[in-house]
Amino acid sequence: MMDRWINIFRPLATKRIRRLMIAALIFPIGAGCVILTCELMVITSSHGKIFSSVDTTPHCPVGLVLGCGQYLANGRENLYFRYRIDAAEQLYKAGKVDVLIVSGDNHRKGYDEPSDMKNALIKRGIPAEKVHCDYAGFRTLDSVIRARDVFCCNRMTVISQRFHGQRAVFIGNARDIDTLGFAARDVSSRAGLKTKLRERLARVKAVMDVTILRKQPKFRGEKIPVLTASRPIDTTKT
């Protein structure tokens, strides 16, 4: 009796297993194609717009410094933070940007990325009135779009590590914002491996957000113009 039931259900079980095996093969291939497509879209959009030398970086009225925590969870210094501050200082003192917007997260008590960045820049000798805080830069999309819609900046140089800057420039281009990027010094491959892996998924989300979901910043707020006048980006001059 048992053998009879086994013979009846064996073809069904085999068919189901076959389908599961096919799905197990197709899913990672499909996911890989999506990740690769989004990667190419971000890289292509930002090609020629990310600069790594202060001397060759075109002048732009506004430098948008993307936020991160000053310290890691273990209390050690966050090198991403330090290197972004270094880059912002270099660009400002070289006259490549006129004002700085420091954009980041401060949604919980005791954690304030914009204030930490502003204080660090003031310690470097940059006038406080030249550094404007965006306290609602909860993610890169918010920071870039709010720089235009809240701080009235249609032209900007995003300051962050190259991989992050590429995504920010992609978002800016997709939303018709004249955006360049300056590549701050990167963190060593070993220390930044987790961040680089997370970036692959962040690029997929960025592409989805701007092309399909049409995401908007979490908060808008009243306009806070940081410039009375601005010059257009001229990539032919340094």
C-alpha atoms as a PDB file:
ATOM      1  CA  MET A   1       0.000   0.000   0.000  1.00  0.00           C
ATOM      2  CA  MET A   2       2.776   2.378   0.945  1.00  0.00           C
ATOM      3  CA  ASP A   3       4.658   1.616  -2.281  1.00  0.00           C
ATOM      4  CA  ARG A   4       1.562   2.467  -4.266  1.00  0.00           C
ATOM      5  CA  TRP A   5       1.280   5.937  -2.723  1.00  0.00           C
ATOM      6  CA  ILE A   6       5.007   6.529  -3.200  1.00  0.00           C
ATOM      7  CA  ASN A   7       4.707   5.687  -6.883  1.00  0.00           C
ATOM      8  CA  ILE A   8       1.794   8.119  -7.243  1.00  0.00           C
ATOM      9  CA  PHE A   9       3.488  11.086  -5.571  1.00  0.00           C
ATOM     10  CA  ARG A  10       7.051  10.482  -6.795  1.00  0.00           C
ATOM     11  CA  PRO A  11       6.505  12.181 -10.204  1.00  0.00           C
ATOM     12  CA  LEU A  12       4.861  15.136  -8.488  1.00  0.00           C
ATOM     13  CA  ALA A  13       7.728  15.477  -6.002  1.00  0.00           C
ATOM     14  CA  THR A  14      10.306  15.164  -8.755  1.00  0.00           C
ATOM     15  CA  LYS A  15       8.553  17.849 -10.804  1.00  0.00           C
ATOM     16  CA  ARG A  16       8.401  20.186  -7.832  1.00  0.00           C
ATOM     17  CA  ILE A  17      12.061  19.665  -7.016  1.00  0.00           C
ATOM     18  CA  ARG A  18      12.927  20.379 -10.647  1.00  0.00           C
ATOM     19  CA  ARG A  19      11.021  23.660 -10.529  1.00  0.00           C
ATOM     20  CA  LEU A  20      12.737  24.669  -7.304  1.00  0.00           C
ATOM     21  CA  MET A  21      16.137  23.924  -8.808  1.00  0.00           C
ATOM     22  CA  ILE A  22      15.357  26.008 -11.890  1.00  0.00           C
ATOM     23  CA  ALA A  23      14.143  28.877  -9.699  1.00  0.00           C
ATOM     24  CA  ALA A  24      17.283  28.603  -7.593  1.00  0.00           C
ATOM     25  CA  LEU A  25      19.358  29.060 -10.728  1.00  0.00           C
ATOM     26  CA  ILE A  26      17.270  31.802 -12.337  1.00  0.00           C
ATOM     27  CA  PHE A  27      16.936  34.039  -9.265  1.00  0.00           C
ATOM     28  CA  PRO A  28      20.650  34.770  -8.702  1.00  0.00           C
ATOM     29  CA  ILE A  29      21.185  35.236 -12.442  1.00  0.00           C
ATOM     30  CA  GLY A  30      18.311  37.718 -12.587  1.00  0.00           C
ATOM     31  CA  ALA A  31      19.484  39.510  -9.464  1.00  0.00           C
ATOM     32  CA  GLY A  32      22.981  39.716 -10.864  1.00  0.00           C
ATOM     33  CA  CYS A  33      21.683  41.234 -14.102  1.00  0.00           C
ATOM     34  CA  VAL A  34      19.744  43.874 -12.165  1.00  0.00           C
ATOM     35  CA  ILE A  35      22.771  44.766 -10.034  1.00  0.00           C
ATOM     36  CA  LEU A  36      25.026  44.969 -13.094  1.00  0.00           C
ATOM     37  CA  THR A  37      22.539  47.126 -15.017  1.00  0.00           C
ATOM     38  CA  CYS A  38      22.186  49.596 -12.135  1.00  0.00           C
ATOM     39  CA  GLU A  39      25.960  49.645 -11.691  1.00  0.00           C
ATOM     40  CA  LEU A  40      26.457  50.569 -15.342  1.00  0.00           C
ATOM     41  CA  MET A  41      23.755  53.246 -15.194  1.00  0.00           C
ATOM     42  CA  VAL A  42      25.396  54.938 -12.205  1.00  0.00           C
ATOM     43  CA  ILE A  43      28.926  54.749 -13.636  1.00  0.00           C
ATOM     44  CA  THR A  44      27.844  55.968 -17.075  1.00  0.00           C
ATOM     45  CA  SER A  45      25.849  58.877 -15.674  1.00  0.00           C
ATOM     46  CA  SER A  46      28.772  60.096 -13.541  1.00  0.00           C
ATOM     47  CA  HIS A  47      31.521  59.481 -16.105  1.00  0.00           C
ATOM     48  CA  GLY A  48      33.768  62.523 -16.458  1.00  0.00           C
ATOM     49  CA  LYS A  49      32.003  64.313 -13.609  1.00  0.00           C
ATOM     50  CA  ILE A  50      33.974  62.982 -10.634  1.00  0.00           C
ATOM     51  CA  PHE A  51      37.237  64.809  -9.918  1.00  0.00           C
ATOM     52  CA  SER A  52      40.036  63.680  -7.646  1.00  0.00           C
ATOM     53  CA  SER A  53      42.444  66.630  -7.935  1.00  0.00           C
ATOM     54  CA  VAL A  54      41.662  70.034  -6.457  1.00  0.00           C
ATOM     55  CA  ASP A  55      43.576  71.736  -9.259  1.00  0.00           C
ATOM     56  CA  THR A  56      41.453  70.203 -12.018  1.00  0.00           C
ATOM     57  CA  THR A  57      38.130  70.529 -10.218  1.00  0.00           C
ATOM     58  CA  PRO A  58      35.940  73.245 -11.815  1.00  0.00           C
ATOM     59  CA  HIS A  59      34.599  76.040  -9.662  1.00  0.00           C
ATOM     60  CA  CYS A  60      31.090  75.505  -8.382  1.00  0.00           C
ATOM     61  CA  PRO A  61      29.158  77.813  -6.054  1.00  0.00           C
ATOM     62  CA  VAL A  62      28.171  75.093  -3.577  1.00  0.00           C
ATOM     63  CA  GLY A  63      29.959  72.103  -2.099  1.00  0.00           C
ATOM     64  CA  LEU A  64      27.571  69.486  -0.724  1.00  0.00           C
ATOM     65  CA  VAL A  65      29.287  67.349   1.911  1.00  0.00           C
ATOM     66  CA  LEU A  66      27.458  64.057   2.402  1.00  0.00           C
ATOM     67  CA  GLY A  67      27.228  62.979   6.006  1.00  0.00           C
ATOM     68  CA  CYS A  68      28.394  60.012   8.004  1.00  0.00           C
ATOM     69  CA  GLY A  69      29.103  59.417  11.657  1.00  0.00           C
ATOM     70  CA  GLN A  70      32.246  60.930  13.151  1.00  0.00           C
ATOM     71  CA  TYR A  71      32.901  57.751  15.126  1.00  0.00           C
ATOM     72  CA  LEU A  72      32.291  54.081  14.533  1.00  0.00           C
ATOM     73  CA  ALA A  73      30.167  51.880  16.783  1.00  0.00           C
ATOM     74  CA  ASN A  74      33.315  50.762  18.609  1.00  0.00           C
ATOM     75  CA  GLY A  75      34.237  54.376  19.381  1.00  0.00           C
ATOM     76  CA  ARG A  76      37.078  54.602  16.893  1.00  0.00           C
ATOM     77  CA  GLU A  77      37.423  57.441  14.412  1.00  0.00           C
ATOM     78  CA  ASN A  78      35.461  57.071  11.190  1.00  0.00           C
ATOM     79  CA  LEU A  79      37.959  57.685   8.390  1.00  0.00           C
ATOM     80  CA  TYR A  80      35.176  58.324   5.897  1.00  0.00           C
ATOM     81  CA  PHE A  81      34.223  61.343   8.004  1.00  0.00           C
ATOM     82  CA  ARG A  82      37.781  62.649   8.329  1.00  0.00           C
ATOM     83  CA  TYR A  83      38.556  62.316   4.638  1.00  0.00           C
ATOM     84  CA  ARG A  84      35.352  64.098   3.602  1.00  0.00           C
ATOM     85  CA  ILE A  85      36.200  66.980   5.914  1.00  0.00           C
ATOM     86  CA  ASP A  86      39.716  67.059   4.460  1.00  0.00           C
ATOM     87  CA  ALA A  87      38.287  67.266   0.945  1.00  0.00           C
ATOM     88  CA  ALA A  88      35.775  69.983   1.827  1.00  0.00           C
ATOM     89  CA  GLU A  89      38.512  72.051   3.456  1.00  0.00           C
ATOM     90  CA  GLN A  90      40.766  71.709   0.418  1.00  0.00           C
ATOM     91  CA  LEU A  91      38.077  72.738  -2.047  1.00  0.00           C
ATOM     92  CA  TYR A  92      36.960  75.729  -0.023  1.00  0.00           C
ATOM     93  CA  LYS A  93      40.445  77.052   0.639  1.00  0.00           C
ATOM     94  CA  ALA A  94      41.353  76.616  -3.031  1.00  0.00           C
ATOM     95  CA  GLY A  95      38.344  78.721  -4.029  1.00  0.00           C
ATOM     96  CA  LYS A  96      36.648  75.842  -5.807  1.00  0.00           C
ATOM     97  CA  VAL A  97      33.442  76.278  -3.798  1.00  0.00           C
ATOM     98  CA  ASP A  98      31.998  79.420  -2.221  1.00  0.00           C
ATOM     99  CA  VAL A  99      29.844  77.866   0.479  1.00  0.00           C
ATOM    100  CA  LEU A 100      29.388  74.413   1.962  1.00  0.00           C
ATOM    101  CA  ILE A 101      26.245  72.495   2.852  1.00  0.00           C
ATOM    102  CA  VAL A 102      26.826  69.680   5.328  1.00  0.00           C
ATOM    103  CA  SER A 103      23.958  67.258   4.978  1.00  0.00           C
ATOM    104  CA  GLY A 104      23.265  64.307   7.213  1.00  0.00           C
ATOM    105  CA  ASP A 105      21.191  62.604   9.842  1.00  0.00           C
ATOM    106  CA  ASN A 106      20.332  63.793  13.342  1.00  0.00           C
ATOM    107  CA  HIS A 107      17.156  61.834  13.951  1.00  0.00           C
ATOM    108  CA  ARG A 108      18.183  60.525  17.359  1.00  0.00           C
ATOM    109  CA  LYS A 109      19.483  62.166  20.508  1.00  0.00           C
ATOM    110  CA  GLY A 110      23.251  62.402  20.721  1.00  0.00           C
ATOM    111  CA  TYR A 111      23.775  61.771  17.005  1.00  0.00           C
ATOM    112  CA  ASP A 112      24.150  64.844  14.803  1.00  0.00           C
ATOM    113  CA  GLU A 113      26.128  64.426  11.591  1.00  0.00           C
ATOM    114  CA  PRO A 114      25.626  67.984  10.234  1.00  0.00           C
ATOM    115  CA  SER A 115      26.723  69.697  13.465  1.00  0.00           C
ATOM    116  CA  ASP A 116      29.737  67.398  13.788  1.00  0.00           C
ATOM    117  CA  MET A 117      30.783  68.211  10.227  1.00  0.00           C
ATOM    118  CA  LYS A 118      30.268  71.937  10.675  1.00  0.00           C
ATOM    119  CA  ASN A 119      32.260  72.001  13.912  1.00  0.00           C
ATOM    120  CA  ALA A 120      35.070  70.049  12.270  1.00  0.00           C
ATOM    121  CA  LEU A 121      35.196  72.506   9.362  1.00  0.00           C
ATOM    122  CA  ILE A 122      35.183  75.529  11.673  1.00  0.00           C
ATOM    123  CA  LYS A 123      38.168  74.028  13.487  1.00  0.00           C
ATOM    124  CA  ARG A 124      39.900  73.895  10.103  1.00  0.00           C
ATOM    125  CA  GLY A 125      39.481  77.653   9.740  1.00  0.00           C
ATOM    126  CA  ILE A 126      36.383  77.816   7.551  1.00  0.00           C
ATOM    127  CA  PRO A 127      34.025  80.663   8.588  1.00  0.00           C
ATOM    128  CA  ALA A 128      30.887  79.441  10.310  1.00  0.00           C
ATOM    129  CA  GLU A 129      28.678  81.573   8.061  1.00  0.00           C
ATOM    130  CA  LYS A 130      30.006  79.677   5.044  1.00  0.00           C
ATOM    131  CA  VAL A 131      28.840  76.298   6.377  1.00  0.00           C
ATOM    132  CA  HIS A 132      25.122  75.514   6.269  1.00  0.00           C
ATOM    133  CA  CYS A 133      23.579  72.514   7.989  1.00  0.00           C
ATOM    134  CA  ASP A 134      20.946  70.308   6.422  1.00  0.00           C
ATOM    135  CA  TYR A 135      19.545  68.266   9.281  1.00  0.00           C
ATOM    136  CA  ALA A 136      17.191  66.241   7.072  1.00  0.00           C
ATOM    137  CA  GLY A 137      19.756  64.576   4.822  1.00  0.00           C
ATOM    138  CA  PHE A 138      18.617  61.133   5.890  1.00  0.00           C
ATOM    139  CA  ARG A 139      19.919  59.561   2.697  1.00  0.00           C
ATOM    140  CA  THR A 140      21.766  60.627  -0.428  1.00  0.00           C
ATOM    141  CA  LEU A 141      18.606  61.310  -2.424  1.00  0.00           C
ATOM    142  CA  ASP A 142      17.301  63.621   0.307  1.00  0.00           C
ATOM    143  CA  SER A 143      20.612  65.493   0.502  1.00  0.00           C
ATOM    144  CA  VAL A 144      20.890  66.123  -3.239  1.00  0.00           C
ATOM    145  CA  ILE A 145      17.272  67.112  -3.883  1.00  0.00           C
ATOM    146  CA  ARG A 146      17.007  69.254  -0.746  1.00  0.00           C
ATOM    147  CA  ALA A 147      20.133  71.143  -1.778  1.00  0.00           C
ATOM    148  CA  ARG A 148      18.140  72.340  -4.760  1.00  0.00           C
ATOM    149  CA  ASP A 149      14.606  72.570  -3.379  1.00  0.00           C
ATOM    150  CA  VAL A 150      15.383  73.901   0.106  1.00  0.00           C
ATOM    151  CA  PHE A 151      18.784  75.590  -0.206  1.00  0.00           C
ATOM    152  CA  CYS A 152      18.107  76.854  -3.760  1.00  0.00           C
ATOM    153  CA  CYS A 153      21.238  75.371  -5.355  1.00  0.00           C
ATOM    154  CA  ASN A 154      20.917  74.205  -8.923  1.00  0.00           C
ATOM    155  CA  ARG A 155      24.665  73.653  -9.287  1.00  0.00           C
ATOM    156  CA  MET A 156      26.822  71.830  -6.792  1.00  0.00           C
ATOM    157  CA  THR A 157      29.879  69.693  -6.226  1.00  0.00           C
ATOM    158  CA  VAL A 158      29.131  66.643  -4.097  1.00  0.00           C
ATOM    159  CA  ILE A 159      31.949  65.820  -1.683  1.00  0.00           C
ATOM    160  CA  SER A 160      32.317  62.203  -0.628  1.00  0.00           C
ATOM    161  CA  GLN A 161      34.244  59.086  -1.568  1.00  0.00           C
ATOM    162  CA  ARG A 162      34.191  58.275  -5.290  1.00  0.00           C
ATOM    163  CA  PHE A 163      31.750  55.349  -5.036  1.00  0.00           C
ATOM    164  CA  HIS A 164      29.313  57.497  -3.065  1.00  0.00           C
ATOM    165  CA  GLY A 165      29.813  60.533  -5.263  1.00  0.00           C
ATOM    166  CA  GLN A 166      28.975  58.525  -8.365  1.00  0.00           C
ATOM    167  CA  ARG A 167      25.594  57.619  -6.935  1.00  0.00           C
ATOM    168  CA  ALA A 168      24.933  61.204  -5.853  1.00  0.00           C
ATOM    169  CA  VAL A 169      25.801  62.541  -9.324  1.00  0.00           C
ATOM    170  CA  PHE A 170      23.513  59.939 -10.880  1.00  0.00           C
ATOM    171  CA  ILE A 171      20.649  61.097  -8.670  1.00  0.00           C
ATOM    172  CA  GLY A 172      21.364  64.747  -9.449  1.00  0.00           C
ATOM    173  CA  ASN A 173      21.459  64.120 -13.198  1.00  0.00           C
ATOM    174  CA  ALA A 174      18.217  62.138 -13.039  1.00  0.00           C
ATOM    175  CA  ARG A 175      16.512  65.075 -11.313  1.00  0.00           C
ATOM    176  CA  ASP A 176      17.957  67.739 -13.660  1.00  0.00           C
ATOM    177  CA  ILE A 177      20.394  69.128 -11.091  1.00  0.00           C
ATOM    178  CA  ASP A 178      23.786  70.241 -12.438  1.00  0.00           C
ATOM    179  CA  THR A 179      25.968  68.009 -10.298  1.00  0.00           C
ATOM    180  CA  LEU A 180      29.674  67.256 -10.141  1.00  0.00           C
ATOM    181  CA  GLY A 181      31.553  65.144  -7.615  1.00  0.00           C
ATOM    182  CA  PHE A 182      34.856  65.449  -5.795  1.00  0.00           C
ATOM    183  CA  ALA A 183      36.374  62.168  -4.661  1.00  0.00           C
ATOM    184  CA  ALA A 184      37.578  62.325  -1.092  1.00  0.00           C
ATOM    185  CA  ARG A 185      40.306  59.919  -0.082  1.00  0.00           C
ATOM    186  CA  ASP A 186      38.930  56.404   0.216  1.00  0.00           C
ATOM    187  CA  VAL A 187      39.265  53.981   3.104  1.00  0.00           C
ATOM    188  CA  SER A 188      41.394  50.866   2.668  1.00  0.00           C
ATOM    189  CA  SER A 189      39.709  47.925   0.951  1.00  0.00           C
ATOM    190  CA  ARG A 190      39.744  45.810   4.106  1.00  0.00           C
ATOM    191  CA  ALA A 191      38.251  48.502   6.337  1.00  0.00           C
ATOM    192  CA  GLY A 192      35.679  49.575   3.771  1.00  0.00           C
ATOM    193  CA  LEU A 193      34.665  46.149   2.398  1.00  0.00           C
ATOM    194  CA  LYS A 194      31.281  46.108   4.120  1.00  0.00           C
ATOM    195  CA  THR A 195      30.519  49.617   2.878  1.00  0.00           C
ATOM    196  CA  LYS A 196      31.485  48.742  -0.704  1.00  0.00           C
ATOM    197  CA  LEU A 197      29.248  45.657  -0.669  1.00  0.00           C
ATOM    198  CA  ARG A 198      26.347  47.677   0.695  1.00  0.00           C
ATOM    199  CA  GLU A 199      26.918  50.228  -2.069  1.00  0.00           C
ATOM    200  CA  ARG A 200      25.962  47.665  -4.727  1.00  0.00           C
ATOM    201  CA  LEU A 201      22.471  47.394  -3.231  1.00  0.00           C
ATOM    202  CA  ALA A 202      22.302  51.151  -2.633  1.00  0.00           C
ATOM    203  CA  ARG A 203      22.798  51.711  -6.353  1.00  0.00           C
ATOM    204  CA  VAL A 204      19.932  49.402  -7.197  1.00  0.00           C
ATOM    205  CA  LYS A 205      17.717  51.312  -4.779  1.00  0.00           C
ATOM    206  CA  ALA A 206      18.854  54.667  -6.197  1.00  0.00           C
ATOM    207  CA  VAL A 207      17.973  53.615  -9.738  1.00  0.00           C
ATOM    208  CA  MET A 208      14.576  52.332  -8.610  1.00  0.00           C
ATOM    209  CA  ASP A 209      13.905  55.476  -6.586  1.00  0.00           C
ATOM    210  CA  VAL A 210      14.564  57.952  -9.390  1.00  0.00           C
ATOM    211  CA  THR A 211      13.360  56.027 -12.443  1.00  0.00           C
ATOM    212  CA  ILE A 212      10.360  54.046 -11.203  1.00  0.00           C
ATOM    213  CA  LEU A 213       9.258  55.113  -7.736  1.00  0.00           C
ATOM    214  CA  ARG A 214      10.015  58.831  -8.212  1.00  0.00           C
ATOM    215  CA  LYS A 215      10.890  59.138  -4.545  1.00  0.00           C
ATOM    216  CA  GLN A 216      10.988  62.534  -2.858  1.00  0.00           C
ATOM    217  CA  PRO A 217      12.830  63.709   0.273  1.00  0.00           C
ATOM    218  CA  LYS A 218      11.176  62.837   3.554  1.00  0.00           C
ATOM    219  CA  PHE A 219      11.012  66.520   4.507  1.00  0.00           C
ATOM    220  CA  ARG A 220      10.912  69.687   2.414  1.00  0.00           C
ATOM    221  CA  GLY A 221      10.673  72.753   4.628  1.00  0.00           C
ATOM    222  CA  GLU A 222      10.942  76.465   3.911  1.00  0.00           C
ATOM    223  CA  LYS A 223      13.491  77.694   1.398  1.00  0.00           C
ATOM    224  CA  ILE A 224      16.864  78.743   2.818  1.00  0.00           C
ATOM    225  CA  PRO A 225      18.882  80.332  -0.018  1.00  0.00           C
ATOM    226  CA  VAL A 226      22.605  79.979   0.668  1.00  0.00           C
ATOM    227  CA  LEU A 227      23.661  82.047  -2.343  1.00  0.00           C
ATOM    228  CA  THR A 228      22.642  85.448  -3.589  1.00  0.00           C
ATOM    229  CA  ALA A 229      24.133  84.664  -7.003  1.00  0.00           C
ATOM    230  CA  SER A 230      25.840  81.733  -8.614  1.00  0.00           C
ATOM    231  CA  ARG A 231      28.086  81.035 -11.540  1.00  0.00           C
ATOM    232  CA  PRO A 232      27.410  78.078 -13.839  1.00  0.00           C
ATOM    233  CA  ILE A 233      29.675  75.078 -13.736  1.00  0.00           C
ATOM    234  CA  ASP A 234      32.349  75.428 -16.390  1.00  0.00           C
ATOM    235  CA  THR A 235      34.176  72.157 -16.921  1.00  0.00           C
ATOM    236  CA  THR A 236      36.570  73.779 -19.390  1.00  0.00           C
ATOM    237  CA  LYS A 237      38.249  75.922 -16.735  1.00  0.00           C
ATOM    238  CA  THR A 238      40.091  75.050 -13.580  1.00  0.00           C
END
